[in-house]
């Protein structure tokens, strides 16, 4: 499995990220892949997963893991955890001190975050759904 950072200037990366978002998260509106940093996972020529992160709009020293998904045929093989690691490593290199994210009705993603040291927290102004869980990890 190959994971690489997508290049927004590369048309095929944008097409692949759109397909991955629609395939993995069919009930969500796709995010603009020209915003933030994105990763694509492939198994040979097959698209397997994706992940993105953007700077927090609330805290200067914080990055937000905005979106991730794994194609059903590739789930249960640790790919989500590898995508989390890739984003944490990039956030550290960029000098961020915190990584935040949220999940909604997704125990598998919550468990992957907890396995990487993320802890639940309650933001003063929640940004998700009433049943969203909020996670943060201090990296700096």
C-alpha atoms as a PDB file:
ATOM      1  CA  UNK A   1       0.000   0.000   0.000  1.00  0.00           C
ATOM      2  CA  UNK A   2       1.401   3.365  -1.041  1.00  0.00           C
ATOM      3  CA  UNK A   3       0.393   6.597   0.718  1.00  0.00           C
ATOM      4  CA  UNK A   4       1.473   9.882  -0.817  1.00  0.00           C
ATOM      5  CA  UNK A   5       0.695  13.543  -0.318  1.00  0.00           C
ATOM      6  CA  UNK A   6      -1.602  14.738  -3.096  1.00  0.00           C
ATOM      7  CA  UNK A   7      -0.714  17.753  -5.190  1.00  0.00           C
ATOM      8  CA  UNK A   8      -3.652  20.113  -5.818  1.00  0.00           C
ATOM      9  CA  UNK A   9      -1.959  21.231  -9.038  1.00  0.00           C
ATOM     10  CA  UNK A  10      -2.204  17.671 -10.380  1.00  0.00           C
ATOM     11  CA  UNK A  11      -5.612  17.233 -12.012  1.00  0.00           C
ATOM     12  CA  UNK A  12      -5.677  13.448 -11.478  1.00  0.00           C
ATOM     13  CA  UNK A  13      -5.142  13.879  -7.714  1.00  0.00           C
ATOM     14  CA  UNK A  14      -8.178  16.185  -7.545  1.00  0.00           C
ATOM     15  CA  UNK A  15     -10.267  13.705  -9.525  1.00  0.00           C
ATOM     16  CA  UNK A  16      -9.103  10.827  -7.298  1.00  0.00           C
ATOM     17  CA  UNK A  17      -9.856  12.766  -4.105  1.00  0.00           C
ATOM     18  CA  UNK A  18     -13.359  13.601  -5.335  1.00  0.00           C
ATOM     19  CA  UNK A  19     -14.011   9.939  -6.218  1.00  0.00           C
ATOM     20  CA  UNK A  20     -12.673   8.787  -2.842  1.00  0.00           C
ATOM     21  CA  UNK A  21     -14.826  11.263  -0.920  1.00  0.00           C
ATOM     22  CA  UNK A  22     -17.968  10.255  -2.824  1.00  0.00           C
ATOM     23  CA  UNK A  23     -17.179   6.537  -2.429  1.00  0.00           C
ATOM     24  CA  UNK A  24     -16.121   6.524   1.229  1.00  0.00           C
ATOM     25  CA  UNK A  25     -18.474   9.213   2.550  1.00  0.00           C
ATOM     26  CA  UNK A  26     -21.524   9.051   0.263  1.00  0.00           C
ATOM     27  CA  UNK A  27     -23.794  10.991   2.642  1.00  0.00           C
ATOM     28  CA  UNK A  28     -21.385  13.925   3.097  1.00  0.00           C
ATOM     29  CA  UNK A  29     -20.755  16.849   0.804  1.00  0.00           C
ATOM     30  CA  UNK A  30     -17.184  16.593  -0.563  1.00  0.00           C
ATOM     31  CA  UNK A  31     -14.638  19.137   0.620  1.00  0.00           C
ATOM     32  CA  UNK A  32     -12.581  21.232  -1.776  1.00  0.00           C
ATOM     33  CA  UNK A  33      -9.244  19.428  -2.097  1.00  0.00           C
ATOM     34  CA  UNK A  34      -7.578  22.711  -3.077  1.00  0.00           C
ATOM     35  CA  UNK A  35      -7.811  23.681   0.606  1.00  0.00           C
ATOM     36  CA  UNK A  36      -5.398  22.179   3.122  1.00  0.00           C
ATOM     37  CA  UNK A  37      -3.172  19.130   2.647  1.00  0.00           C
ATOM     38  CA  UNK A  38      -4.383  15.771   1.355  1.00  0.00           C
ATOM     39  CA  UNK A  39      -3.123  12.201   1.129  1.00  0.00           C
ATOM     40  CA  UNK A  40      -4.097   9.399  -1.213  1.00  0.00           C
ATOM     41  CA  UNK A  41      -3.571   5.692  -0.546  1.00  0.00           C
ATOM     42  CA  UNK A  42      -3.292   3.224  -3.405  1.00  0.00           C
ATOM     43  CA  UNK A  43      -2.849  -0.510  -3.665  1.00  0.00           C
ATOM     44  CA  UNK A  44      -1.153  -0.766  -7.035  1.00  0.00           C
ATOM     45  CA  UNK A  45      -3.481   1.169  -9.344  1.00  0.00           C
ATOM     46  CA  UNK A  46      -6.520   0.833  -7.058  1.00  0.00           C
ATOM     47  CA  UNK A  47      -7.587   3.776  -4.929  1.00  0.00           C
ATOM     48  CA  UNK A  48      -7.805   2.621  -1.302  1.00  0.00           C
ATOM     49  CA  UNK A  49      -8.260   5.684   0.906  1.00  0.00           C
ATOM     50  CA  UNK A  50      -7.657   9.361   1.524  1.00  0.00           C
ATOM     51  CA  UNK A  51      -7.226  11.909   4.286  1.00  0.00           C
ATOM     52  CA  UNK A  52      -7.016  15.668   4.646  1.00  0.00           C
ATOM     53  CA  UNK A  53      -6.079  18.327   7.169  1.00  0.00           C
ATOM     54  CA  UNK A  54      -6.539  22.084   7.359  1.00  0.00           C
ATOM     55  CA  UNK A  55      -5.382  24.747   9.805  1.00  0.00           C
ATOM     56  CA  UNK A  56      -7.863  25.324  12.614  1.00  0.00           C
ATOM     57  CA  UNK A  57     -10.001  28.421  12.180  1.00  0.00           C
ATOM     58  CA  UNK A  58     -10.012  28.889  15.985  1.00  0.00           C
ATOM     59  CA  UNK A  59      -6.467  28.233  17.188  1.00  0.00           C
ATOM     60  CA  UNK A  60      -3.240  29.341  15.458  1.00  0.00           C
ATOM     61  CA  UNK A  61      -1.148  26.432  16.765  1.00  0.00           C
ATOM     62  CA  UNK A  62      -3.675  23.735  15.802  1.00  0.00           C
ATOM     63  CA  UNK A  63      -4.330  21.589  12.737  1.00  0.00           C
ATOM     64  CA  UNK A  64      -7.690  19.967  12.085  1.00  0.00           C
ATOM     65  CA  UNK A  65      -7.983  16.471  10.615  1.00  0.00           C
ATOM     66  CA  UNK A  66     -10.896  17.410   8.387  1.00  0.00           C
ATOM     67  CA  UNK A  67     -11.719  14.284   6.460  1.00  0.00           C
ATOM     68  CA  UNK A  68     -10.646  10.676   5.927  1.00  0.00           C
ATOM     69  CA  UNK A  69     -12.042   7.536   4.416  1.00  0.00           C
ATOM     70  CA  UNK A  70     -11.109   4.040   3.359  1.00  0.00           C
ATOM     71  CA  UNK A  71     -12.714   2.225   0.431  1.00  0.00           C
ATOM     72  CA  UNK A  72     -14.770  -0.688   1.850  1.00  0.00           C
ATOM     73  CA  UNK A  73     -12.581  -3.373   0.229  1.00  0.00           C
ATOM     74  CA  UNK A  74      -9.534  -2.029   2.113  1.00  0.00           C
ATOM     75  CA  UNK A  75     -11.049  -1.539   5.575  1.00  0.00           C
ATOM     76  CA  UNK A  76      -9.755  -3.443   8.590  1.00  0.00           C
ATOM     77  CA  UNK A  77      -6.141  -3.448   7.367  1.00  0.00           C
ATOM     78  CA  UNK A  78      -4.749  -0.510   9.369  1.00  0.00           C
ATOM     79  CA  UNK A  79      -4.932   2.025   6.564  1.00  0.00           C
ATOM     80  CA  UNK A  80      -6.867   4.577   8.634  1.00  0.00           C
ATOM     81  CA  UNK A  81      -4.132   4.463  11.283  1.00  0.00           C
ATOM     82  CA  UNK A  82      -1.423   4.981   8.661  1.00  0.00           C
ATOM     83  CA  UNK A  83      -3.295   8.021   7.332  1.00  0.00           C
ATOM     84  CA  UNK A  84      -3.569   9.440  10.866  1.00  0.00           C
ATOM     85  CA  UNK A  85       0.190   8.928  11.381  1.00  0.00           C
ATOM     86  CA  UNK A  86       1.021  10.638   8.084  1.00  0.00           C
ATOM     87  CA  UNK A  87      -0.965  13.712   9.083  1.00  0.00           C
ATOM     88  CA  UNK A  88       0.456  13.866  12.620  1.00  0.00           C
ATOM     89  CA  UNK A  89       3.995  13.650  11.228  1.00  0.00           C
ATOM     90  CA  UNK A  90       3.315  16.455   8.738  1.00  0.00           C
ATOM     91  CA  UNK A  91       1.719  18.625  11.456  1.00  0.00           C
ATOM     92  CA  UNK A  92       4.844  18.187  13.609  1.00  0.00           C
ATOM     93  CA  UNK A  93       7.103  19.156  10.685  1.00  0.00           C
ATOM     94  CA  UNK A  94       4.985  22.258  10.115  1.00  0.00           C
ATOM     95  CA  UNK A  95       5.366  23.272  13.782  1.00  0.00           C
ATOM     96  CA  UNK A  96       1.820  22.783  15.029  1.00  0.00           C
ATOM     97  CA  UNK A  97       1.337  22.062  18.741  1.00  0.00           C
ATOM     98  CA  UNK A  98      -2.114  20.451  18.643  1.00  0.00           C
ATOM     99  CA  UNK A  99      -4.104  18.192  16.353  1.00  0.00           C
ATOM    100  CA  UNK A 100      -7.894  18.162  16.675  1.00  0.00           C
ATOM    101  CA  UNK A 101     -10.670  16.278  14.949  1.00  0.00           C
ATOM    102  CA  UNK A 102     -14.155  14.900  15.455  1.00  0.00           C
ATOM    103  CA  UNK A 103     -16.121  11.775  14.655  1.00  0.00           C
ATOM    104  CA  UNK A 104     -19.836  11.104  14.471  1.00  0.00           C
ATOM    105  CA  UNK A 105     -21.274   7.611  14.863  1.00  0.00           C
ATOM    106  CA  UNK A 106     -17.949   6.037  13.895  1.00  0.00           C
ATOM    107  CA  UNK A 107     -16.428   3.810  16.617  1.00  0.00           C
ATOM    108  CA  UNK A 108     -13.724   2.474  14.268  1.00  0.00           C
ATOM    109  CA  UNK A 109     -12.366   5.971  13.603  1.00  0.00           C
ATOM    110  CA  UNK A 110     -12.651   6.900  17.275  1.00  0.00           C
ATOM    111  CA  UNK A 111     -10.648   3.812  18.230  1.00  0.00           C
ATOM    112  CA  UNK A 112      -7.976   4.609  15.622  1.00  0.00           C
ATOM    113  CA  UNK A 113      -7.605   8.104  17.092  1.00  0.00           C
ATOM    114  CA  UNK A 114      -7.405   6.755  20.653  1.00  0.00           C
ATOM    115  CA  UNK A 115      -4.731   4.261  19.522  1.00  0.00           C
ATOM    116  CA  UNK A 116      -2.620   7.269  18.444  1.00  0.00           C
ATOM    117  CA  UNK A 117      -2.983   9.019  21.797  1.00  0.00           C
ATOM    118  CA  UNK A 118      -5.902  11.316  21.024  1.00  0.00           C
ATOM    119  CA  UNK A 119      -8.132  12.122  23.976  1.00  0.00           C
ATOM    120  CA  UNK A 120     -11.734  13.250  24.114  1.00  0.00           C
ATOM    121  CA  UNK A 121     -12.410  16.884  24.955  1.00  0.00           C
ATOM    122  CA  UNK A 122     -15.388  19.231  25.046  1.00  0.00           C
ATOM    123  CA  UNK A 123     -14.846  22.384  22.996  1.00  0.00           C
ATOM    124  CA  UNK A 124     -16.460  25.541  24.334  1.00  0.00           C
ATOM    125  CA  UNK A 125     -18.107  26.022  20.924  1.00  0.00           C
ATOM    126  CA  UNK A 126     -18.781  22.593  19.368  1.00  0.00           C
ATOM    127  CA  UNK A 127     -18.687  22.641  15.562  1.00  0.00           C
ATOM    128  CA  UNK A 128     -20.167  19.237  14.709  1.00  0.00           C
ATOM    129  CA  UNK A 129     -23.427  17.436  15.259  1.00  0.00           C
ATOM    130  CA  UNK A 130     -25.098  17.027  18.675  1.00  0.00           C
ATOM    131  CA  UNK A 131     -23.688  13.473  18.902  1.00  0.00           C
ATOM    132  CA  UNK A 132     -20.174  14.278  17.623  1.00  0.00           C
ATOM    133  CA  UNK A 133     -17.134  13.301  19.669  1.00  0.00           C
ATOM    134  CA  UNK A 134     -14.192  15.737  19.762  1.00  0.00           C
ATOM    135  CA  UNK A 135     -10.568  14.604  20.025  1.00  0.00           C
ATOM    136  CA  UNK A 136      -7.244  16.374  20.511  1.00  0.00           C
ATOM    137  CA  UNK A 137      -3.595  15.404  20.654  1.00  0.00           C
ATOM    138  CA  UNK A 138      -0.714  17.554  21.918  1.00  0.00           C
ATOM    139  CA  UNK A 139       2.264  17.167  19.563  1.00  0.00           C
ATOM    140  CA  UNK A 140       4.456  20.132  20.455  1.00  0.00           C
END
